[in-house]
């Protein structure tokens, strides 16, 4: 039942966005040096309470600071170590789970399940995301400066449509006011449908 699955995914996403943190302004460029508790946002140093690290060839950035750099709303729904992570910008975003490499991207009223190169991690009560794919889903070019040991994100523009929508956005607007409480009821259903 792909229709039901996509419908439930979008309802979960919409409901969770009501309780998200306000998004910071998106960066034109962000640089996350590995092993340091600071990053550069449009050339300005920003302190972090945690540091970027590399594990298994993947660069992990603390969720909070990656969200700020990308200008997305960040939300955690569910219990410790097993909840959903929501990253929302405009009418699209990502739904991720800790320690799972599959994630859902929502864009233009459509949803698709994709695979990350590595799963989001929880370390010392902090969530870390594999930054490359997450940033690319929000329209950023990503490169790694080997000499500086830093991950560089540069805004390249809005990402294209998901396959199958022919470049057309979904008709109609979502009324966010009717969604409160929906997420708590749909979280178990989401887990069954996707994982």
C-alpha atoms as a PDB file:
ATOM      1  CA  UNK A   1       0.000   0.000   0.000  1.00  0.00           C
ATOM      2  CA  UNK A   2       2.374   2.759  -1.122  1.00  0.00           C
ATOM      3  CA  UNK A   3      -0.457   5.337  -1.059  1.00  0.00           C
ATOM      4  CA  UNK A   4      -1.229   4.774   2.623  1.00  0.00           C
ATOM      5  CA  UNK A   5       2.455   4.694   3.477  1.00  0.00           C
ATOM      6  CA  UNK A   6       3.147   8.056   1.837  1.00  0.00           C
ATOM      7  CA  UNK A   7       0.028   9.562   3.420  1.00  0.00           C
ATOM      8  CA  UNK A   8       1.059   8.427   6.905  1.00  0.00           C
ATOM      9  CA  UNK A   9       4.633   9.659   6.390  1.00  0.00           C
ATOM     10  CA  UNK A  10       3.417  13.097   5.369  1.00  0.00           C
ATOM     11  CA  UNK A  11       1.003  13.299   8.320  1.00  0.00           C
ATOM     12  CA  UNK A  12       3.791  12.361  10.728  1.00  0.00           C
ATOM     13  CA  UNK A  13       6.066  14.955   9.166  1.00  0.00           C
ATOM     14  CA  UNK A  14       3.444  17.693   9.275  1.00  0.00           C
ATOM     15  CA  UNK A  15       2.454  16.948  12.854  1.00  0.00           C
ATOM     16  CA  UNK A  16       6.014  16.935  14.108  1.00  0.00           C
ATOM     17  CA  UNK A  17       6.797  20.259  12.503  1.00  0.00           C
ATOM     18  CA  UNK A  18       4.341  22.020  14.799  1.00  0.00           C
ATOM     19  CA  UNK A  19       6.617  21.427  17.750  1.00  0.00           C
ATOM     20  CA  UNK A  20       9.971  22.093  16.085  1.00  0.00           C
ATOM     21  CA  UNK A  21      12.559  24.655  17.003  1.00  0.00           C
ATOM     22  CA  UNK A  22      12.563  27.867  14.969  1.00  0.00           C
ATOM     23  CA  UNK A  23      14.884  27.701  12.011  1.00  0.00           C
ATOM     24  CA  UNK A  24      17.914  29.926  11.837  1.00  0.00           C
ATOM     25  CA  UNK A  25      18.712  31.743   8.645  1.00  0.00           C
ATOM     26  CA  UNK A  26      20.232  29.384   6.121  1.00  0.00           C
ATOM     27  CA  UNK A  27      23.909  29.827   5.491  1.00  0.00           C
ATOM     28  CA  UNK A  28      25.383  30.575   2.125  1.00  0.00           C
ATOM     29  CA  UNK A  29      28.402  28.710   3.437  1.00  0.00           C
ATOM     30  CA  UNK A  30      29.257  26.752   6.562  1.00  0.00           C
ATOM     31  CA  UNK A  31      32.552  25.123   7.524  1.00  0.00           C
ATOM     32  CA  UNK A  32      32.781  22.427  10.218  1.00  0.00           C
ATOM     33  CA  UNK A  33      36.407  21.742  11.245  1.00  0.00           C
ATOM     34  CA  UNK A  34      36.911  18.212  12.571  1.00  0.00           C
ATOM     35  CA  UNK A  35      37.798  17.981  16.271  1.00  0.00           C
ATOM     36  CA  UNK A  36      36.931  21.593  17.127  1.00  0.00           C
ATOM     37  CA  UNK A  37      34.067  23.096  19.091  1.00  0.00           C
ATOM     38  CA  UNK A  38      33.507  25.915  16.634  1.00  0.00           C
ATOM     39  CA  UNK A  39      32.185  26.224  13.097  1.00  0.00           C
ATOM     40  CA  UNK A  40      32.044  29.071  10.588  1.00  0.00           C
ATOM     41  CA  UNK A  41      28.659  30.318   9.402  1.00  0.00           C
ATOM     42  CA  UNK A  42      29.030  32.740   6.480  1.00  0.00           C
ATOM     43  CA  UNK A  43      32.589  33.393   7.687  1.00  0.00           C
ATOM     44  CA  UNK A  44      31.606  34.127  11.299  1.00  0.00           C
ATOM     45  CA  UNK A  45      32.826  31.787  14.082  1.00  0.00           C
ATOM     46  CA  UNK A  46      30.007  30.069  15.990  1.00  0.00           C
ATOM     47  CA  UNK A  47      30.730  28.163  19.223  1.00  0.00           C
ATOM     48  CA  UNK A  48      29.524  24.580  19.626  1.00  0.00           C
ATOM     49  CA  UNK A  49      29.124  22.471  22.757  1.00  0.00           C
ATOM     50  CA  UNK A  50      30.283  19.397  20.832  1.00  0.00           C
ATOM     51  CA  UNK A  51      32.684  18.748  17.990  1.00  0.00           C
ATOM     52  CA  UNK A  52      32.527  17.386  14.473  1.00  0.00           C
ATOM     53  CA  UNK A  53      34.205  13.991  14.035  1.00  0.00           C
ATOM     54  CA  UNK A  54      34.953  11.412  11.346  1.00  0.00           C
ATOM     55  CA  UNK A  55      34.063   7.744  11.783  1.00  0.00           C
ATOM     56  CA  UNK A  56      34.222   5.074   9.111  1.00  0.00           C
ATOM     57  CA  UNK A  57      34.925   7.652   6.417  1.00  0.00           C
ATOM     58  CA  UNK A  58      31.794   9.641   7.301  1.00  0.00           C
ATOM     59  CA  UNK A  59      31.833  13.140   8.808  1.00  0.00           C
ATOM     60  CA  UNK A  60      29.376  13.541  11.687  1.00  0.00           C
ATOM     61  CA  UNK A  61      28.151  16.978  12.762  1.00  0.00           C
ATOM     62  CA  UNK A  62      26.096  17.676  15.911  1.00  0.00           C
ATOM     63  CA  UNK A  63      22.420  17.890  14.904  1.00  0.00           C
ATOM     64  CA  UNK A  64      21.762  21.272  16.500  1.00  0.00           C
ATOM     65  CA  UNK A  65      24.576  23.043  14.668  1.00  0.00           C
ATOM     66  CA  UNK A  66      24.003  21.356  11.326  1.00  0.00           C
ATOM     67  CA  UNK A  67      20.348  22.394  11.576  1.00  0.00           C
ATOM     68  CA  UNK A  68      21.353  25.997  12.305  1.00  0.00           C
ATOM     69  CA  UNK A  69      23.751  26.041   9.350  1.00  0.00           C
ATOM     70  CA  UNK A  70      21.121  24.630   6.980  1.00  0.00           C
ATOM     71  CA  UNK A  71      18.367  26.912   8.280  1.00  0.00           C
ATOM     72  CA  UNK A  72      16.051  24.023   9.147  1.00  0.00           C
ATOM     73  CA  UNK A  73      13.648  23.420  12.017  1.00  0.00           C
ATOM     74  CA  UNK A  74      14.854  20.515  14.131  1.00  0.00           C
ATOM     75  CA  UNK A  75      12.540  18.311  16.160  1.00  0.00           C
ATOM     76  CA  UNK A  76      12.887  15.160  18.232  1.00  0.00           C
ATOM     77  CA  UNK A  77       9.791  13.008  18.692  1.00  0.00           C
ATOM     78  CA  UNK A  78       9.687   9.890  20.828  1.00  0.00           C
ATOM     79  CA  UNK A  79      11.702   8.309  23.582  1.00  0.00           C
ATOM     80  CA  UNK A  80      15.396   8.453  24.225  1.00  0.00           C
ATOM     81  CA  UNK A  81      17.397   6.489  21.693  1.00  0.00           C
ATOM     82  CA  UNK A  82      14.400   5.393  19.620  1.00  0.00           C
ATOM     83  CA  UNK A  83      12.576   8.509  18.442  1.00  0.00           C
ATOM     84  CA  UNK A  84      12.269  10.219  15.115  1.00  0.00           C
ATOM     85  CA  UNK A  85      14.359  13.183  14.039  1.00  0.00           C
ATOM     86  CA  UNK A  86      12.627  15.782  11.917  1.00  0.00           C
ATOM     87  CA  UNK A  87      14.432  18.375   9.860  1.00  0.00           C
ATOM     88  CA  UNK A  88      11.999  20.720   8.132  1.00  0.00           C
ATOM     89  CA  UNK A  89      12.478  23.614   5.744  1.00  0.00           C
ATOM     90  CA  UNK A  90       9.557  25.144   3.888  1.00  0.00           C
ATOM     91  CA  UNK A  91       7.167  22.412   2.792  1.00  0.00           C
ATOM     92  CA  UNK A  92       9.835  19.703   2.746  1.00  0.00           C
ATOM     93  CA  UNK A  93      12.278  17.943   4.969  1.00  0.00           C
ATOM     94  CA  UNK A  94      13.682  14.698   6.294  1.00  0.00           C
ATOM     95  CA  UNK A  95      12.506  12.099   8.798  1.00  0.00           C
ATOM     96  CA  UNK A  96      15.336  10.043  10.319  1.00  0.00           C
ATOM     97  CA  UNK A  97      15.723   7.521  13.133  1.00  0.00           C
ATOM     98  CA  UNK A  98      18.729   6.927  15.332  1.00  0.00           C
ATOM     99  CA  UNK A  99      20.913   3.986  14.370  1.00  0.00           C
ATOM    100  CA  UNK A 100      18.960   3.424  11.128  1.00  0.00           C
ATOM    101  CA  UNK A 101      20.404   4.297   7.759  1.00  0.00           C
ATOM    102  CA  UNK A 102      17.060   4.543   5.969  1.00  0.00           C
ATOM    103  CA  UNK A 103      15.318   7.908   6.030  1.00  0.00           C
ATOM    104  CA  UNK A 104      12.343   9.600   4.409  1.00  0.00           C
ATOM    105  CA  UNK A 105      12.626  12.733   2.303  1.00  0.00           C
ATOM    106  CA  UNK A 106       9.493  14.821   1.772  1.00  0.00           C
ATOM    107  CA  UNK A 107       9.438  17.416  -0.981  1.00  0.00           C
ATOM    108  CA  UNK A 108       6.708  18.915  -3.151  1.00  0.00           C
ATOM    109  CA  UNK A 109       3.983  16.882  -1.456  1.00  0.00           C
ATOM    110  CA  UNK A 110       5.739  13.575  -2.180  1.00  0.00           C
ATOM    111  CA  UNK A 111       7.709  11.187   0.034  1.00  0.00           C
ATOM    112  CA  UNK A 112      10.538   8.777  -0.778  1.00  0.00           C
ATOM    113  CA  UNK A 113      12.562   6.401   1.381  1.00  0.00           C
ATOM    114  CA  UNK A 114      16.332   6.567   0.833  1.00  0.00           C
ATOM    115  CA  UNK A 115      19.526   5.226   2.434  1.00  0.00           C
ATOM    116  CA  UNK A 116      22.188   7.224   4.262  1.00  0.00           C
ATOM    117  CA  UNK A 117      25.852   6.276   3.985  1.00  0.00           C
ATOM    118  CA  UNK A 118      25.817   5.931   7.789  1.00  0.00           C
ATOM    119  CA  UNK A 119      23.126   6.059  10.471  1.00  0.00           C
ATOM    120  CA  UNK A 120      22.552   9.017  12.816  1.00  0.00           C
ATOM    121  CA  UNK A 121      24.271   8.442  16.171  1.00  0.00           C
ATOM    122  CA  UNK A 122      23.568   9.275  19.800  1.00  0.00           C
ATOM    123  CA  UNK A 123      26.768   9.878  21.792  1.00  0.00           C
ATOM    124  CA  UNK A 124      26.956  11.481  25.234  1.00  0.00           C
ATOM    125  CA  UNK A 125      23.289  12.538  24.976  1.00  0.00           C
ATOM    126  CA  UNK A 126      23.919  14.319  21.672  1.00  0.00           C
ATOM    127  CA  UNK A 127      22.658  13.423  18.221  1.00  0.00           C
ATOM    128  CA  UNK A 128      25.147  13.466  15.349  1.00  0.00           C
ATOM    129  CA  UNK A 129      24.182  13.284  11.679  1.00  0.00           C
ATOM    130  CA  UNK A 130      26.157  12.132   8.655  1.00  0.00           C
ATOM    131  CA  UNK A 131      26.349  15.647   7.244  1.00  0.00           C
ATOM    132  CA  UNK A 132      26.991  15.102   3.523  1.00  0.00           C
ATOM    133  CA  UNK A 133      23.698  13.530   2.462  1.00  0.00           C
ATOM    134  CA  UNK A 134      21.605  15.558   4.890  1.00  0.00           C
ATOM    135  CA  UNK A 135      23.029  18.837   3.561  1.00  0.00           C
ATOM    136  CA  UNK A 136      22.635  17.691  -0.053  1.00  0.00           C
ATOM    137  CA  UNK A 137      18.936  16.966   0.537  1.00  0.00           C
ATOM    138  CA  UNK A 138      18.522  20.656   1.440  1.00  0.00           C
ATOM    139  CA  UNK A 139      20.340  21.926  -1.663  1.00  0.00           C
ATOM    140  CA  UNK A 140      23.934  22.253  -0.428  1.00  0.00           C
ATOM    141  CA  UNK A 141      27.134  21.304  -2.237  1.00  0.00           C
ATOM    142  CA  UNK A 142      29.390  19.432   0.160  1.00  0.00           C
ATOM    143  CA  UNK A 143      33.157  19.013   0.025  1.00  0.00           C
ATOM    144  CA  UNK A 144      35.839  17.920   2.441  1.00  0.00           C
ATOM    145  CA  UNK A 145      38.995  20.028   2.675  1.00  0.00           C
ATOM    146  CA  UNK A 146      41.631  17.432   3.527  1.00  0.00           C
ATOM    147  CA  UNK A 147      44.352  19.974   4.343  1.00  0.00           C
ATOM    148  CA  UNK A 148      42.129  21.912   6.770  1.00  0.00           C
ATOM    149  CA  UNK A 149      40.317  18.760   7.975  1.00  0.00           C
ATOM    150  CA  UNK A 150      36.997  20.540   7.527  1.00  0.00           C
ATOM    151  CA  UNK A 151      33.618  19.822   5.955  1.00  0.00           C
ATOM    152  CA  UNK A 152      32.463  22.677   3.722  1.00  0.00           C
ATOM    153  CA  UNK A 153      28.806  23.327   2.839  1.00  0.00           C
ATOM    154  CA  UNK A 154      27.831  25.830   0.129  1.00  0.00           C
ATOM    155  CA  UNK A 155      24.216  26.588  -0.763  1.00  0.00           C
ATOM    156  CA  UNK A 156      23.562  25.623  -4.382  1.00  0.00           C
ATOM    157  CA  UNK A 157      19.803  26.279  -4.550  1.00  0.00           C
ATOM    158  CA  UNK A 158      16.587  24.429  -3.858  1.00  0.00           C
ATOM    159  CA  UNK A 159      16.820  20.684  -4.487  1.00  0.00           C
ATOM    160  CA  UNK A 160      14.950  19.289  -7.470  1.00  0.00           C
ATOM    161  CA  UNK A 161      11.639  17.441  -7.310  1.00  0.00           C
ATOM    162  CA  UNK A 162      11.409  13.859  -6.146  1.00  0.00           C
ATOM    163  CA  UNK A 163      11.099  11.287  -8.938  1.00  0.00           C
ATOM    164  CA  UNK A 164       7.564  10.866 -10.209  1.00  0.00           C
ATOM    165  CA  UNK A 165       6.177  14.358  -9.688  1.00  0.00           C
ATOM    166  CA  UNK A 166       7.269  15.736 -13.069  1.00  0.00           C
ATOM    167  CA  UNK A 167       8.477  18.921 -11.439  1.00  0.00           C
ATOM    168  CA  UNK A 168       4.996  19.796 -10.223  1.00  0.00           C
ATOM    169  CA  UNK A 169       4.329  20.699  -6.619  1.00  0.00           C
ATOM    170  CA  UNK A 170       1.391  19.150  -4.823  1.00  0.00           C
ATOM    171  CA  UNK A 171      -1.852  21.092  -5.064  1.00  0.00           C
ATOM    172  CA  UNK A 172      -3.240  22.781  -1.976  1.00  0.00           C
ATOM    173  CA  UNK A 173      -1.766  23.939   1.285  1.00  0.00           C
ATOM    174  CA  UNK A 174      -1.548  22.123   4.590  1.00  0.00           C
ATOM    175  CA  UNK A 175      -3.511  23.566   7.502  1.00  0.00           C
ATOM    176  CA  UNK A 176      -1.067  23.105  10.379  1.00  0.00           C
ATOM    177  CA  UNK A 177      -3.649  23.994  13.039  1.00  0.00           C
ATOM    178  CA  UNK A 178      -5.434  20.619  12.968  1.00  0.00           C
ATOM    179  CA  UNK A 179      -2.375  18.444  13.451  1.00  0.00           C
ATOM    180  CA  UNK A 180      -1.537  18.719  17.229  1.00  0.00           C
ATOM    181  CA  UNK A 181      -1.319  15.355  18.917  1.00  0.00           C
ATOM    182  CA  UNK A 182      -1.178  13.464  15.632  1.00  0.00           C
ATOM    183  CA  UNK A 183       2.477  12.547  15.924  1.00  0.00           C
ATOM    184  CA  UNK A 184       2.199  10.586  19.167  1.00  0.00           C
ATOM    185  CA  UNK A 185      -0.473   8.347  17.673  1.00  0.00           C
ATOM    186  CA  UNK A 186       1.250   7.827  14.338  1.00  0.00           C
ATOM    187  CA  UNK A 187       4.788   7.104  15.554  1.00  0.00           C
ATOM    188  CA  UNK A 188       4.162   3.351  16.054  1.00  0.00           C
ATOM    189  CA  UNK A 189       2.416   3.132  12.659  1.00  0.00           C
ATOM    190  CA  UNK A 190       5.297   4.983  10.990  1.00  0.00           C
ATOM    191  CA  UNK A 191       7.750   2.516  12.518  1.00  0.00           C
ATOM    192  CA  UNK A 192       5.779  -0.452  11.183  1.00  0.00           C
ATOM    193  CA  UNK A 193       5.392   0.956   7.678  1.00  0.00           C
ATOM    194  CA  UNK A 194       8.953   2.139   7.120  1.00  0.00           C
ATOM    195  CA  UNK A 195      11.127  -0.080   9.273  1.00  0.00           C
END
